[in-house]
Amino acid sequence: MKYLSALSSGILVWIGVSLSFYILEKVPVVKDSFYVQSAITAFLIIFFAIGSAKLFYRKNEMNGLKLGIIMSVTALVLDVIITVPFVEIPNGRSYESFFTSPVLWILAFVNAISVYLWKRNQYRTK
């Protein structure tokens, strides 16, 4: 049951990141700069990760790094199944261009490390 909840947390992060990029593509000031959109999303993913982790930890227990990795892998799998075929390929990009982008791996790392550090901080404050 806790792994299903961990997958659900990853889905929430993926939705948050996907919506962030979608909305930022419509904002006049940043719509022409993928790197500005990525920087904003990298900041926002911290909140998506911690919010999803808080939901997970209401009823479950797991090492923070393990949860963060499961959440990141879940988001990456959803990218394979949904993001690339329905967003990237129609816009002229490929699986290769998507998965070789350093931005993707930075976002996955920030997600996992955010959950880990937040969980570690929870133990210190108790």
Protein backbone atom coordinates (compact mmCIF):
# COMPACT_ATOMS: atom_id res chain seq x y z
CA MET A 1 0.00 0.00 0.00
CA LYS A 2 2.80 2.42 0.81
CA TYR A 3 4.37 1.90 -2.63
CA LEU A 4 1.06 2.73 -4.28
CA SER A 5 0.96 5.91 -2.19
CA ALA A 6 4.55 6.68 -3.19
CA LEU A 7 3.58 6.29 -6.86
CA SER A 8 0.62 8.61 -6.28
CA SER A 9 3.00 11.20 -4.82
CA GLY A 10 5.14 10.94 -7.96
CA ILE A 11 2.07 11.43 -10.12
CA LEU A 12 1.23 14.61 -8.21
CA VAL A 13 4.75 15.96 -8.79
CA TRP A 14 4.56 15.10 -12.49
CA ILE A 15 1.21 16.92 -12.77
CA GLY A 16 2.65 19.96 -10.98
CA VAL A 17 5.71 20.12 -13.23
CA SER A 18 3.67 19.54 -16.38
CA LEU A 19 1.20 22.27 -15.46
CA SER A 20 4.05 24.62 -14.58
CA PHE A 21 5.63 24.27 -18.01
CA TYR A 22 2.23 24.54 -19.71
CA ILE A 23 1.34 27.74 -17.85
CA LEU A 24 4.81 29.27 -18.23
CA GLU A 25 4.64 28.71 -22.01
CA LYS A 26 1.68 31.12 -22.00
CA VAL A 27 3.29 33.88 -19.89
CA PRO A 28 4.56 36.64 -22.22
CA VAL A 29 7.72 37.47 -20.28
CA VAL A 30 9.05 33.89 -20.09
CA LYS A 31 7.37 32.03 -22.95
CA ASP A 32 10.37 32.42 -25.26
CA SER A 33 12.99 31.20 -22.79
CA PHE A 34 13.05 27.51 -21.96
CA TYR A 35 15.81 28.11 -19.41
CA VAL A 36 13.82 30.71 -17.49
CA GLN A 37 10.82 28.37 -17.49
CA SER A 38 13.09 25.57 -16.27
CA ALA A 39 14.55 27.71 -13.47
CA ILE A 40 11.08 28.67 -12.26
CA THR A 41 9.94 25.06 -12.45
CA ALA A 42 13.06 23.89 -10.59
CA PHE A 43 12.08 26.25 -7.78
CA LEU A 44 8.43 25.16 -7.85
CA ILE A 45 9.30 21.44 -7.85
CA ILE A 46 10.62 21.87 -4.31
CA PHE A 47 7.11 22.75 -3.18
CA PHE A 48 5.50 20.04 -5.30
CA ALA A 49 7.86 17.44 -3.83
CA ILE A 50 7.40 18.53 -0.22
CA GLY A 51 3.63 18.82 -0.59
CA SER A 52 3.39 15.36 -2.11
CA ALA A 53 5.70 13.97 0.59
CA LYS A 54 3.53 15.50 3.32
CA LEU A 55 0.51 13.70 1.86
CA PHE A 56 2.45 10.45 1.72
CA TYR A 57 3.73 10.68 5.30
CA ARG A 58 0.26 11.26 6.74
CA LYS A 59 -0.39 7.52 6.54
CA ASN A 60 2.91 5.91 5.54
CA GLU A 61 6.55 5.72 6.55
CA MET A 62 9.57 5.39 4.29
CA ASN A 63 13.10 6.70 4.00
CA GLY A 64 13.01 10.19 2.47
CA LEU A 65 15.57 9.47 -0.23
CA LYS A 66 13.78 6.28 -1.23
CA LEU A 67 10.47 8.15 -1.50
CA GLY A 68 12.12 10.94 -3.50
CA ILE A 69 13.63 8.45 -5.93
CA ILE A 70 10.33 6.60 -6.34
CA MET A 71 8.59 9.92 -7.02
CA SER A 72 11.21 10.93 -9.59
CA VAL A 73 11.13 7.56 -11.35
CA THR A 74 7.32 7.68 -11.44
CA ALA A 75 7.46 11.11 -13.09
CA LEU A 76 10.05 9.85 -15.60
CA VAL A 77 7.86 6.87 -16.51
CA LEU A 78 4.93 9.23 -17.06
CA ASP A 79 7.20 11.30 -19.29
CA VAL A 80 7.90 8.19 -21.38
CA ILE A 81 4.22 7.28 -21.62
CA ILE A 82 2.57 10.71 -21.88
CA THR A 83 4.83 13.75 -22.14
CA VAL A 84 7.10 12.69 -24.98
CA PRO A 85 4.53 11.10 -27.31
CA PHE A 86 1.80 13.70 -26.76
CA VAL A 87 3.79 16.91 -26.21
CA GLU A 88 7.38 16.60 -27.36
CA ILE A 89 7.02 14.57 -30.58
CA PRO A 90 4.14 16.72 -31.96
CA ASN A 91 6.40 19.75 -31.37
CA GLY A 92 9.20 18.22 -33.44
CA ARG A 93 11.32 16.85 -30.60
CA SER A 94 12.18 13.24 -29.78
CA TYR A 95 12.69 10.85 -26.88
CA GLU A 96 16.41 11.38 -27.32
CA SER A 97 16.24 15.16 -27.11
CA PHE A 98 13.93 14.97 -24.09
CA PHE A 99 15.95 12.45 -22.11
CA THR A 100 19.35 13.93 -22.90
CA SER A 101 18.32 17.35 -21.62
CA PRO A 102 20.21 18.23 -18.44
CA VAL A 103 17.11 20.12 -17.26
CA LEU A 104 15.15 16.88 -16.92
CA TRP A 105 17.81 15.29 -14.74
CA ILE A 106 18.23 18.44 -12.65
CA LEU A 107 14.48 18.44 -11.98
CA ALA A 108 14.55 14.74 -11.02
CA PHE A 109 17.49 15.38 -8.68
CA VAL A 110 15.90 18.45 -7.09
CA ASN A 111 12.72 16.46 -6.50
CA ALA A 112 14.50 13.56 -4.80
CA ILE A 113 16.84 15.70 -2.72
CA SER A 114 13.98 17.99 -1.62
CA VAL A 115 12.04 15.06 -0.20
CA TYR A 116 15.16 13.67 1.46
CA LEU A 117 16.14 16.98 3.08
CA TRP A 118 12.59 17.76 4.18
CA LYS A 119 12.20 14.32 5.78
CA ARG A 120 15.61 14.57 7.46
CA ASN A 121 14.66 17.98 8.84
CA GLN A 122 11.43 16.50 10.24
CA TYR A 123 13.44 14.07 12.36
CA ARG A 124 15.70 16.84 13.66
CA THR A 125 12.80 19.03 14.80
CA LYS A 126 11.16 16.25 16.83
